[in-house]
Amino acid sequence: MTTELSTERRMWSLFEPLHAVTYFAPQGRAAFEEAGLRGFWRGYFAGRAAPLGAVGPGPVVGAFYGFAPSMVARALPDVWTRITSEGALAARLDGARRALAPALDGTAGADEAAELLKVAAQGAEPHGRVLAAANAALPWPSDTPGILWQAATILREHRGDGHLAALLVEGLDGCEAMVWRVALNEGRGRGMAQPARGWSDEEWDAARGRLHRRGYLDGEGAATEKARTAYATLEEATDQLAARPWRALGAEATERCATLLAPIATRITDVLRDFYPTWINLPMPARGAS
């Protein structure tokens, strides 16, 4: 049996690795450290929040969604005493360029892929998309690695913003979304996911109780059929909310972009496997129907 992969899901699998180098490739993490941000989370919070300016924890709790407010408050505004938002923007772009360069070396069509992905990113609507709009408002780099990364970042945050809207419609708060995700993974990953998002045992167990009362989890904390059906609906909604950039690019150009991105994304994914958190599940670059 074959399952047709949606255009939106397929393209996400190709641009997500290009964005992920910011936080998980050794070059990306080194760039933050060289800029004075020691420790993974300082680089993550500063780099991802920098397009919003030197904000406090409030906007980041809202925009990042799955993090415990207490964890965000430990990071912000402290990181802005160590680096400016402009410095964080420069560091993340520098790290991305360094990480992408090996994957682009000798790759035919990289310039064309960058321009096509840029057109798609420029077609992303800003309304209700806080992180996507903030990244889209930044100046475009002039080099191929920079354009690829900027476009991938806009598209990644655009899809993410839409996913959060779908979670809101489903009535899931930040902690519930994380508990639900782990349950759908048959309980694997809590040991990494919970501390990575800063939730206490009390907060996690309370969220699990709320999901049980709504019928998403059984008495043992396992995902129910209702949860799996709702997940499929939520992912379809996420795809629908991520469709506009690819409509703007057009079907033929989107197919061309996918063809050009596939070898680049595969190279990057091969590197990131050693550094990417297993519970997040880095998507494998998809070529079409599977």
C-alpha atoms as a PDB file:
ATOM      1  CA  MET A   1       0.000   0.000   0.000  1.00  0.00           C
ATOM      2  CA  THR A   2       1.344   3.431  -0.904  1.00  0.00           C
ATOM      3  CA  THR A   3       0.445   6.668   0.781  1.00  0.00           C
ATOM      4  CA  GLU A   4       0.608   9.908  -1.142  1.00  0.00           C
ATOM      5  CA  LEU A   5       2.592  12.439   0.819  1.00  0.00           C
ATOM      6  CA  SER A   6       1.105  15.923   0.808  1.00  0.00           C
ATOM      7  CA  THR A   7       3.100  18.643  -0.917  1.00  0.00           C
ATOM      8  CA  GLU A   8       3.291  20.569   2.354  1.00  0.00           C
ATOM      9  CA  ARG A   9       4.618  17.582   4.323  1.00  0.00           C
ATOM     10  CA  ARG A  10       7.085  16.683   1.605  1.00  0.00           C
ATOM     11  CA  MET A  11       8.498  20.199   1.373  1.00  0.00           C
ATOM     12  CA  TRP A  12       8.710  20.453   5.165  1.00  0.00           C
ATOM     13  CA  SER A  13      10.886  17.350   5.224  1.00  0.00           C
ATOM     14  CA  LEU A  14      13.245  19.088   2.786  1.00  0.00           C
ATOM     15  CA  PHE A  15      13.530  22.541   4.365  1.00  0.00           C
ATOM     16  CA  GLU A  16      13.373  21.593   8.061  1.00  0.00           C
ATOM     17  CA  PRO A  17      16.948  20.206   8.080  1.00  0.00           C
ATOM     18  CA  LEU A  18      18.231  23.449   6.529  1.00  0.00           C
ATOM     19  CA  HIS A  19      16.764  25.400   9.438  1.00  0.00           C
ATOM     20  CA  ALA A  20      17.721  22.869  12.115  1.00  0.00           C
ATOM     21  CA  VAL A  21      21.455  23.429  11.602  1.00  0.00           C
ATOM     22  CA  THR A  22      21.002  26.663  13.578  1.00  0.00           C
ATOM     23  CA  TYR A  23      20.654  24.821  16.847  1.00  0.00           C
ATOM     24  CA  PHE A  24      21.884  21.277  16.287  1.00  0.00           C
ATOM     25  CA  ALA A  25      24.802  21.348  13.864  1.00  0.00           C
ATOM     26  CA  PRO A  26      28.197  21.749  15.580  1.00  0.00           C
ATOM     27  CA  GLN A  27      28.905  24.870  13.510  1.00  0.00           C
ATOM     28  CA  GLY A  28      25.661  26.502  14.628  1.00  0.00           C
ATOM     29  CA  ARG A  29      26.279  25.824  18.296  1.00  0.00           C
ATOM     30  CA  ALA A  30      29.892  26.982  17.984  1.00  0.00           C
ATOM     31  CA  ALA A  31      28.798  30.297  16.484  1.00  0.00           C
ATOM     32  CA  PHE A  32      26.585  31.033  19.498  1.00  0.00           C
ATOM     33  CA  GLU A  33      29.358  30.089  21.916  1.00  0.00           C
ATOM     34  CA  GLU A  34      31.865  32.276  20.100  1.00  0.00           C
ATOM     35  CA  ALA A  35      29.393  35.143  20.452  1.00  0.00           C
ATOM     36  CA  GLY A  36      29.325  34.644  24.233  1.00  0.00           C
ATOM     37  CA  LEU A  37      26.327  32.344  24.699  1.00  0.00           C
ATOM     38  CA  ARG A  38      27.605  29.326  26.594  1.00  0.00           C
ATOM     39  CA  GLY A  39      25.206  26.409  26.857  1.00  0.00           C
ATOM     40  CA  PHE A  40      22.680  25.128  24.337  1.00  0.00           C
ATOM     41  CA  TRP A  41      19.606  26.870  25.721  1.00  0.00           C
ATOM     42  CA  ARG A  42      21.105  30.372  25.761  1.00  0.00           C
ATOM     43  CA  GLY A  43      21.848  30.025  22.062  1.00  0.00           C
ATOM     44  CA  TYR A  44      18.449  28.539  21.343  1.00  0.00           C
ATOM     45  CA  PHE A  45      16.376  31.154  23.132  1.00  0.00           C
ATOM     46  CA  ALA A  46      18.469  34.100  21.961  1.00  0.00           C
ATOM     47  CA  GLY A  47      18.713  32.874  18.389  1.00  0.00           C
ATOM     48  CA  ARG A  48      15.079  31.953  17.937  1.00  0.00           C
ATOM     49  CA  ALA A  49      13.665  34.969  19.782  1.00  0.00           C
ATOM     50  CA  ALA A  50      16.070  37.537  18.276  1.00  0.00           C
ATOM     51  CA  PRO A  51      13.786  38.487  15.344  1.00  0.00           C
ATOM     52  CA  LEU A  52      11.293  39.736  17.963  1.00  0.00           C
ATOM     53  CA  GLY A  53      13.921  42.005  19.523  1.00  0.00           C
ATOM     54  CA  ALA A  54      15.191  41.878  23.103  1.00  0.00           C
ATOM     55  CA  VAL A  55      11.849  40.681  24.477  1.00  0.00           C
ATOM     56  CA  GLY A  56      11.096  39.335  27.915  1.00  0.00           C
ATOM     57  CA  PRO A  57       9.592  35.912  28.610  1.00  0.00           C
ATOM     58  CA  GLY A  58       5.941  36.753  27.865  1.00  0.00           C
ATOM     59  CA  PRO A  59       6.018  36.843  24.052  1.00  0.00           C
ATOM     60  CA  VAL A  60       8.318  33.824  23.939  1.00  0.00           C
ATOM     61  CA  VAL A  61       6.035  31.699  26.130  1.00  0.00           C
ATOM     62  CA  GLY A  62       3.254  32.491  23.677  1.00  0.00           C
ATOM     63  CA  ALA A  63       5.234  32.048  20.473  1.00  0.00           C
ATOM     64  CA  PHE A  64       7.260  28.968  21.471  1.00  0.00           C
ATOM     65  CA  TYR A  65       4.184  27.318  23.063  1.00  0.00           C
ATOM     66  CA  GLY A  66       5.542  24.039  24.428  1.00  0.00           C
ATOM     67  CA  PHE A  67       8.003  25.463  26.964  1.00  0.00           C
ATOM     68  CA  ALA A  68       7.200  25.871  30.643  1.00  0.00           C
ATOM     69  CA  PRO A  69       6.960  29.590  31.517  1.00  0.00           C
ATOM     70  CA  SER A  70       9.433  29.058  34.370  1.00  0.00           C
ATOM     71  CA  MET A  71      12.056  27.739  31.930  1.00  0.00           C
ATOM     72  CA  VAL A  72      11.582  30.671  29.573  1.00  0.00           C
ATOM     73  CA  ALA A  73      11.863  33.098  32.474  1.00  0.00           C
ATOM     74  CA  ARG A  74      15.241  31.625  33.421  1.00  0.00           C
ATOM     75  CA  ALA A  75      16.549  32.320  29.921  1.00  0.00           C
ATOM     76  CA  LEU A  76      14.956  35.697  29.228  1.00  0.00           C
ATOM     77  CA  PRO A  77      15.770  38.506  29.669  1.00  0.00           C
ATOM     78  CA  ASP A  78      19.089  37.176  31.021  1.00  0.00           C
ATOM     79  CA  VAL A  79      20.447  36.335  27.552  1.00  0.00           C
ATOM     80  CA  TRP A  80      20.154  39.985  26.530  1.00  0.00           C
ATOM     81  CA  THR A  81      22.735  40.876  29.179  1.00  0.00           C
ATOM     82  CA  ARG A  82      25.152  38.617  27.289  1.00  0.00           C
ATOM     83  CA  ILE A  83      24.340  39.509  23.675  1.00  0.00           C
ATOM     84  CA  THR A  84      22.174  41.959  21.777  1.00  0.00           C
ATOM     85  CA  SER A  85      19.345  40.726  19.582  1.00  0.00           C
ATOM     86  CA  GLU A  86      21.351  42.008  16.594  1.00  0.00           C
ATOM     87  CA  GLY A  87      24.348  39.990  17.765  1.00  0.00           C
ATOM     88  CA  ALA A  88      22.201  36.870  18.098  1.00  0.00           C
ATOM     89  CA  LEU A  89      20.848  37.352  14.573  1.00  0.00           C
ATOM     90  CA  ALA A  90      24.391  37.621  13.232  1.00  0.00           C
ATOM     91  CA  ALA A  91      25.570  34.562  15.173  1.00  0.00           C
ATOM     92  CA  ARG A  92      22.775  32.308  14.002  1.00  0.00           C
ATOM     93  CA  LEU A  93      23.290  33.283  10.351  1.00  0.00           C
ATOM     94  CA  ASP A  94      27.039  32.805  10.659  1.00  0.00           C
ATOM     95  CA  GLY A  95      26.593  29.340  12.148  1.00  0.00           C
ATOM     96  CA  ALA A  96      24.043  28.357   9.522  1.00  0.00           C
ATOM     97  CA  ARG A  97      26.338  29.433   6.701  1.00  0.00           C
ATOM     98  CA  ARG A  98      29.184  27.390   8.136  1.00  0.00           C
ATOM     99  CA  ALA A  99      26.964  24.335   8.577  1.00  0.00           C
ATOM    100  CA  LEU A 100      25.363  24.505   5.135  1.00  0.00           C
ATOM    101  CA  ALA A 101      28.542  25.139   3.163  1.00  0.00           C
ATOM    102  CA  PRO A 102      29.732  21.480   3.158  1.00  0.00           C
ATOM    103  CA  ALA A 103      26.295  20.270   2.017  1.00  0.00           C
ATOM    104  CA  LEU A 104      26.296  22.765  -0.857  1.00  0.00           C
ATOM    105  CA  ASP A 105      29.842  22.080  -1.982  1.00  0.00           C
ATOM    106  CA  GLY A 106      29.684  20.551  -5.438  1.00  0.00           C
ATOM    107  CA  THR A 107      25.874  20.398  -5.408  1.00  0.00           C
ATOM    108  CA  ALA A 108      24.383  21.335  -8.763  1.00  0.00           C
ATOM    109  CA  GLY A 109      21.447  23.719  -8.694  1.00  0.00           C
ATOM    110  CA  ALA A 110      21.995  25.168  -5.218  1.00  0.00           C
ATOM    111  CA  ASP A 111      21.606  28.748  -6.475  1.00  0.00           C
ATOM    112  CA  GLU A 112      18.369  27.862  -8.245  1.00  0.00           C
ATOM    113  CA  ALA A 113      17.073  26.022  -5.179  1.00  0.00           C
ATOM    114  CA  ALA A 114      17.778  29.075  -3.044  1.00  0.00           C
ATOM    115  CA  GLU A 115      15.872  31.386  -5.365  1.00  0.00           C
ATOM    116  CA  LEU A 116      12.887  29.037  -5.612  1.00  0.00           C
ATOM    117  CA  LEU A 117      12.727  28.573  -1.844  1.00  0.00           C
ATOM    118  CA  LYS A 118      12.943  32.352  -1.427  1.00  0.00           C
ATOM    119  CA  VAL A 119       9.911  32.819  -3.695  1.00  0.00           C
ATOM    120  CA  ALA A 120       7.981  30.289  -1.601  1.00  0.00           C
ATOM    121  CA  ALA A 121       8.989  32.036   1.628  1.00  0.00           C
ATOM    122  CA  GLN A 122       7.909  35.393   0.240  1.00  0.00           C
ATOM    123  CA  GLY A 123       4.486  33.851  -0.368  1.00  0.00           C
ATOM    124  CA  ALA A 124       4.006  33.014   3.312  1.00  0.00           C
ATOM    125  CA  GLU A 125       1.240  35.128   4.806  1.00  0.00           C
ATOM    126  CA  PRO A 126       2.255  37.021   7.983  1.00  0.00           C
ATOM    127  CA  HIS A 127      -1.138  37.346   9.672  1.00  0.00           C
ATOM    128  CA  GLY A 128      -1.288  35.387  12.919  1.00  0.00           C
ATOM    129  CA  ARG A 129       2.235  34.062  12.283  1.00  0.00           C
ATOM    130  CA  VAL A 130       4.349  35.833  14.872  1.00  0.00           C
ATOM    131  CA  LEU A 131       7.665  34.040  14.340  1.00  0.00           C
ATOM    132  CA  ALA A 132       7.286  33.712  10.585  1.00  0.00           C
ATOM    133  CA  ALA A 133       6.440  37.397  10.189  1.00  0.00           C
ATOM    134  CA  ALA A 134       9.334  38.472  12.410  1.00  0.00           C
ATOM    135  CA  ASN A 135      11.796  36.434  10.354  1.00  0.00           C
ATOM    136  CA  ALA A 136      10.272  37.573   7.058  1.00  0.00           C
ATOM    137  CA  ALA A 137      10.851  41.195   8.075  1.00  0.00           C
ATOM    138  CA  LEU A 138      14.628  40.668   8.286  1.00  0.00           C
ATOM    139  CA  PRO A 139      16.899  41.668   5.375  1.00  0.00           C
ATOM    140  CA  TRP A 140      17.666  38.915   2.900  1.00  0.00           C
ATOM    141  CA  PRO A 141      21.261  37.679   2.705  1.00  0.00           C
ATOM    142  CA  SER A 142      22.892  37.897  -0.706  1.00  0.00           C
ATOM    143  CA  ASP A 143      24.736  34.540  -0.679  1.00  0.00           C
ATOM    144  CA  THR A 144      23.270  31.144  -1.548  1.00  0.00           C
ATOM    145  CA  PRO A 145      23.712  29.505   1.905  1.00  0.00           C
ATOM    146  CA  GLY A 146      22.250  32.583   3.560  1.00  0.00           C
ATOM    147  CA  ILE A 147      19.242  32.725   1.233  1.00  0.00           C
ATOM    148  CA  LEU A 148      18.546  29.022   1.655  1.00  0.00           C
ATOM    149  CA  TRP A 149      18.709  29.299   5.415  1.00  0.00           C
ATOM    150  CA  GLN A 150      16.598  32.460   5.631  1.00  0.00           C
ATOM    151  CA  ALA A 151      13.917  30.985   3.376  1.00  0.00           C
ATOM    152  CA  ALA A 152      13.906  27.685   5.271  1.00  0.00           C
ATOM    153  CA  THR A 153      13.614  29.540   8.580  1.00  0.00           C
ATOM    154  CA  ILE A 154      10.661  31.636   7.440  1.00  0.00           C
ATOM    155  CA  LEU A 155       8.913  28.540   6.080  1.00  0.00           C
ATOM    156  CA  ARG A 156       9.705  26.516   9.197  1.00  0.00           C
ATOM    157  CA  GLU A 157       8.297  29.137  11.541  1.00  0.00           C
ATOM    158  CA  HIS A 158       5.318  29.674   9.222  1.00  0.00           C
ATOM    159  CA  ARG A 159       4.445  25.995   9.417  1.00  0.00           C
ATOM    160  CA  GLY A 160       5.106  25.996  13.154  1.00  0.00           C
ATOM    161  CA  ASP A 161       2.861  28.993  13.747  1.00  0.00           C
ATOM    162  CA  GLY A 162       0.081  27.206  11.876  1.00  0.00           C
ATOM    163  CA  HIS A 163       0.663  24.033  13.890  1.00  0.00           C
ATOM    164  CA  LEU A 164       0.244  25.990  17.106  1.00  0.00           C
ATOM    165  CA  ALA A 165      -3.029  27.401  15.799  1.00  0.00           C
ATOM    166  CA  ALA A 166      -4.203  23.831  15.190  1.00  0.00           C
ATOM    167  CA  LEU A 167      -3.190  22.866  18.740  1.00  0.00           C
ATOM    168  CA  LEU A 168      -5.227  25.787  20.070  1.00  0.00           C
ATOM    169  CA  VAL A 169      -8.274  24.675  18.107  1.00  0.00           C
ATOM    170  CA  GLU A 170      -7.836  21.194  19.581  1.00  0.00           C
ATOM    171  CA  GLY A 171      -7.801  22.826  23.032  1.00  0.00           C
ATOM    172  CA  LEU A 172      -4.313  21.704  24.044  1.00  0.00           C
ATOM    173  CA  ASP A 173      -2.121  23.886  26.221  1.00  0.00           C
ATOM    174  CA  GLY A 174       1.676  23.794  26.093  1.00  0.00           C
ATOM    175  CA  CYS A 175       2.195  21.008  28.587  1.00  0.00           C
ATOM    176  CA  GLU A 176      -0.739  18.955  27.319  1.00  0.00           C
ATOM    177  CA  ALA A 177       0.678  19.128  23.800  1.00  0.00           C
ATOM    178  CA  MET A 178       3.969  17.687  25.026  1.00  0.00           C
ATOM    179  CA  VAL A 179       2.331  14.913  27.082  1.00  0.00           C
ATOM    180  CA  TRP A 180       0.104  14.044  24.125  1.00  0.00           C
ATOM    181  CA  ARG A 181       3.095  13.881  21.790  1.00  0.00           C
ATOM    182  CA  VAL A 182       4.984  11.513  24.076  1.00  0.00           C
ATOM    183  CA  ALA A 183       1.892   9.328  24.507  1.00  0.00           C
ATOM    184  CA  LEU A 184       1.491   9.082  20.737  1.00  0.00           C
ATOM    185  CA  ASN A 185       5.086   7.864  20.657  1.00  0.00           C
ATOM    186  CA  GLU A 186       4.018   5.013  22.963  1.00  0.00           C
ATOM    187  CA  GLY A 187       5.455   6.769  26.000  1.00  0.00           C
ATOM    188  CA  ARG A 188       8.987   6.976  24.627  1.00  0.00           C
ATOM    189  CA  GLY A 189      10.858  10.199  25.117  1.00  0.00           C
ATOM    190  CA  ARG A 190       9.400  11.615  28.322  1.00  0.00           C
ATOM    191  CA  GLY A 191      12.803  11.404  29.997  1.00  0.00           C
ATOM    192  CA  MET A 192      14.154  13.839  27.399  1.00  0.00           C
ATOM    193  CA  ALA A 193      11.069  15.821  26.393  1.00  0.00           C
ATOM    194  CA  GLN A 194       9.882  16.838  29.840  1.00  0.00           C
ATOM    195  CA  PRO A 195      13.139  18.379  31.109  1.00  0.00           C
ATOM    196  CA  ALA A 196      13.909  19.810  27.654  1.00  0.00           C
ATOM    197  CA  ARG A 197      10.718  21.850  27.894  1.00  0.00           C
ATOM    198  CA  GLY A 198      11.044  22.603  31.596  1.00  0.00           C
ATOM    199  CA  TRP A 199       7.877  21.013  32.957  1.00  0.00           C
ATOM    200  CA  SER A 200       7.861  19.682  36.519  1.00  0.00           C
ATOM    201  CA  ASP A 201       6.554  16.226  37.404  1.00  0.00           C
ATOM    202  CA  GLU A 202       3.521  17.860  39.000  1.00  0.00           C
ATOM    203  CA  GLU A 203       2.746  19.896  35.879  1.00  0.00           C
ATOM    204  CA  TRP A 204       3.278  16.904  33.596  1.00  0.00           C
ATOM    205  CA  ASP A 205       1.082  14.577  35.663  1.00  0.00           C
ATOM    206  CA  ALA A 206      -1.651  17.210  35.942  1.00  0.00           C
ATOM    207  CA  ALA A 207      -1.661  17.611  32.165  1.00  0.00           C
ATOM    208  CA  ARG A 208      -1.847  13.848  31.776  1.00  0.00           C
ATOM    209  CA  GLY A 209      -4.851  13.811  34.091  1.00  0.00           C
ATOM    210  CA  ARG A 210      -6.617  16.480  32.031  1.00  0.00           C
ATOM    211  CA  LEU A 211      -5.981  14.523  28.830  1.00  0.00           C
ATOM    212  CA  HIS A 212      -7.311  11.359  30.455  1.00  0.00           C
ATOM    213  CA  ARG A 213     -10.532  13.119  31.464  1.00  0.00           C
ATOM    214  CA  ARG A 214     -10.979  14.298  27.867  1.00  0.00           C
ATOM    215  CA  GLY A 215     -10.503  10.788  26.536  1.00  0.00           C
ATOM    216  CA  TYR A 216      -7.127  11.284  24.859  1.00  0.00           C
ATOM    217  CA  LEU A 217      -5.270   8.983  27.263  1.00  0.00           C
ATOM    218  CA  ASP A 218      -6.324   5.777  28.976  1.00  0.00           C
ATOM    219  CA  GLY A 219      -5.834   5.060  32.652  1.00  0.00           C
ATOM    220  CA  GLU A 220      -2.215   4.048  32.066  1.00  0.00           C
ATOM    221  CA  GLY A 221      -1.385   7.223  30.155  1.00  0.00           C
ATOM    222  CA  ALA A 222      -1.378   5.564  26.715  1.00  0.00           C
ATOM    223  CA  ALA A 223      -2.841   7.332  23.690  1.00  0.00           C
ATOM    224  CA  THR A 224      -6.388   6.299  22.825  1.00  0.00           C
ATOM    225  CA  GLU A 225      -7.934   5.928  19.383  1.00  0.00           C
ATOM    226  CA  LYS A 226      -9.525   9.344  19.918  1.00  0.00           C
ATOM    227  CA  ALA A 227      -6.054  10.822  20.395  1.00  0.00           C
ATOM    228  CA  ARG A 228      -4.709   9.189  17.238  1.00  0.00           C
ATOM    229  CA  THR A 229      -7.680  10.334  15.177  1.00  0.00           C
ATOM    230  CA  ALA A 230      -7.333  13.858  16.533  1.00  0.00           C
ATOM    231  CA  TYR A 231      -3.622  13.805  15.745  1.00  0.00           C
ATOM    232  CA  ALA A 232      -4.273  12.891  12.122  1.00  0.00           C
ATOM    233  CA  THR A 233      -6.827  15.708  11.862  1.00  0.00           C
ATOM    234  CA  LEU A 234      -4.406  18.155  13.456  1.00  0.00           C
ATOM    235  CA  GLU A 235      -1.623  17.235  11.026  1.00  0.00           C
ATOM    236  CA  GLU A 236      -3.984  17.684   8.079  1.00  0.00           C
ATOM    237  CA  ALA A 237      -4.900  21.117   9.414  1.00  0.00           C
ATOM    238  CA  THR A 238      -1.206  21.963   9.794  1.00  0.00           C
ATOM    239  CA  ASP A 239      -0.645  21.036   6.153  1.00  0.00           C
ATOM    240  CA  GLN A 240      -3.587  23.149   5.019  1.00  0.00           C
ATOM    241  CA  LEU A 241      -2.288  26.129   6.979  1.00  0.00           C
ATOM    242  CA  ALA A 242       1.155  25.653   5.399  1.00  0.00           C
ATOM    243  CA  ALA A 243      -0.123  25.519   1.804  1.00  0.00           C
ATOM    244  CA  ARG A 244       0.018  29.132   0.677  1.00  0.00           C
ATOM    245  CA  PRO A 245       3.795  29.383   0.017  1.00  0.00           C
ATOM    246  CA  TRP A 246       3.623  26.400  -2.352  1.00  0.00           C
ATOM    247  CA  ARG A 247       0.571  27.752  -4.135  1.00  0.00           C
ATOM    248  CA  ALA A 248       2.505  31.002  -4.579  1.00  0.00           C
ATOM    249  CA  LEU A 249       5.472  29.108  -6.026  1.00  0.00           C
ATOM    250  CA  GLY A 250       3.313  26.944  -8.279  1.00  0.00           C
ATOM    251  CA  ALA A 251       3.209  23.189  -8.779  1.00  0.00           C
ATOM    252  CA  GLU A 252       5.930  22.945 -11.435  1.00  0.00           C
ATOM    253  CA  ALA A 253       8.384  25.197  -9.605  1.00  0.00           C
ATOM    254  CA  THR A 254       7.638  23.423  -6.313  1.00  0.00           C
ATOM    255  CA  GLU A 255       8.495  20.077  -7.912  1.00  0.00           C
ATOM    256  CA  ARG A 256      11.699  21.552  -9.277  1.00  0.00           C
ATOM    257  CA  CYS A 257      12.561  22.976  -5.872  1.00  0.00           C
ATOM    258  CA  ALA A 258      11.969  19.586  -4.228  1.00  0.00           C
ATOM    259  CA  THR A 259      14.244  17.862  -6.733  1.00  0.00           C
ATOM    260  CA  LEU A 260      17.046  20.344  -6.114  1.00  0.00           C
ATOM    261  CA  LEU A 261      16.666  20.338  -2.329  1.00  0.00           C
ATOM    262  CA  ALA A 262      16.603  16.557  -1.887  1.00  0.00           C
ATOM    263  CA  PRO A 263      20.367  15.895  -2.097  1.00  0.00           C
ATOM    264  CA  ILE A 264      21.139  18.946   0.037  1.00  0.00           C
ATOM    265  CA  ALA A 265      18.653  17.947   2.736  1.00  0.00           C
ATOM    266  CA  THR A 266      19.939  14.362   2.694  1.00  0.00           C
ATOM    267  CA  ARG A 267      23.526  15.502   3.271  1.00  0.00           C
ATOM    268  CA  ILE A 268      22.494  17.742   6.141  1.00  0.00           C
ATOM    269  CA  THR A 269      20.274  15.094   7.721  1.00  0.00           C
ATOM    270  CA  ASP A 270      23.140  12.606   7.691  1.00  0.00           C
ATOM    271  CA  VAL A 271      25.164  15.072   9.799  1.00  0.00           C
ATOM    272  CA  LEU A 272      22.333  16.083  12.121  1.00  0.00           C
ATOM    273  CA  ARG A 273      21.393  12.520  13.075  1.00  0.00           C
ATOM    274  CA  ASP A 274      24.237  12.466  15.599  1.00  0.00           C
ATOM    275  CA  PHE A 275      23.089  15.677  17.297  1.00  0.00           C
ATOM    276  CA  TYR A 276      19.325  15.925  16.865  1.00  0.00           C
ATOM    277  CA  PRO A 277      17.147  14.945  19.864  1.00  0.00           C
ATOM    278  CA  THR A 278      15.565  11.588  19.049  1.00  0.00           C
ATOM    279  CA  TRP A 279      12.219  12.472  20.609  1.00  0.00           C
ATOM    280  CA  ILE A 280      11.709  15.370  18.188  1.00  0.00           C
ATOM    281  CA  ASN A 281      12.060  13.058  15.158  1.00  0.00           C
ATOM    282  CA  LEU A 282      13.955  14.949  12.461  1.00  0.00           C
ATOM    283  CA  PRO A 283      11.986  14.303   9.260  1.00  0.00           C
ATOM    284  CA  MET A 284      13.737  12.217   6.633  1.00  0.00           C
ATOM    285  CA  PRO A 285      13.902  14.020   3.268  1.00  0.00           C
ATOM    286  CA  ALA A 286      10.997  12.748   1.169  1.00  0.00           C
ATOM    287  CA  ARG A 287      10.974  12.572  -2.619  1.00  0.00           C
ATOM    288  CA  GLY A 288       7.248  12.074  -3.186  1.00  0.00           C
ATOM    289  CA  ALA A 289       4.964   9.138  -2.680  1.00  0.00           C
ATOM    290  CA  SER A 290       6.110   6.602  -0.112  1.00  0.00           C
END
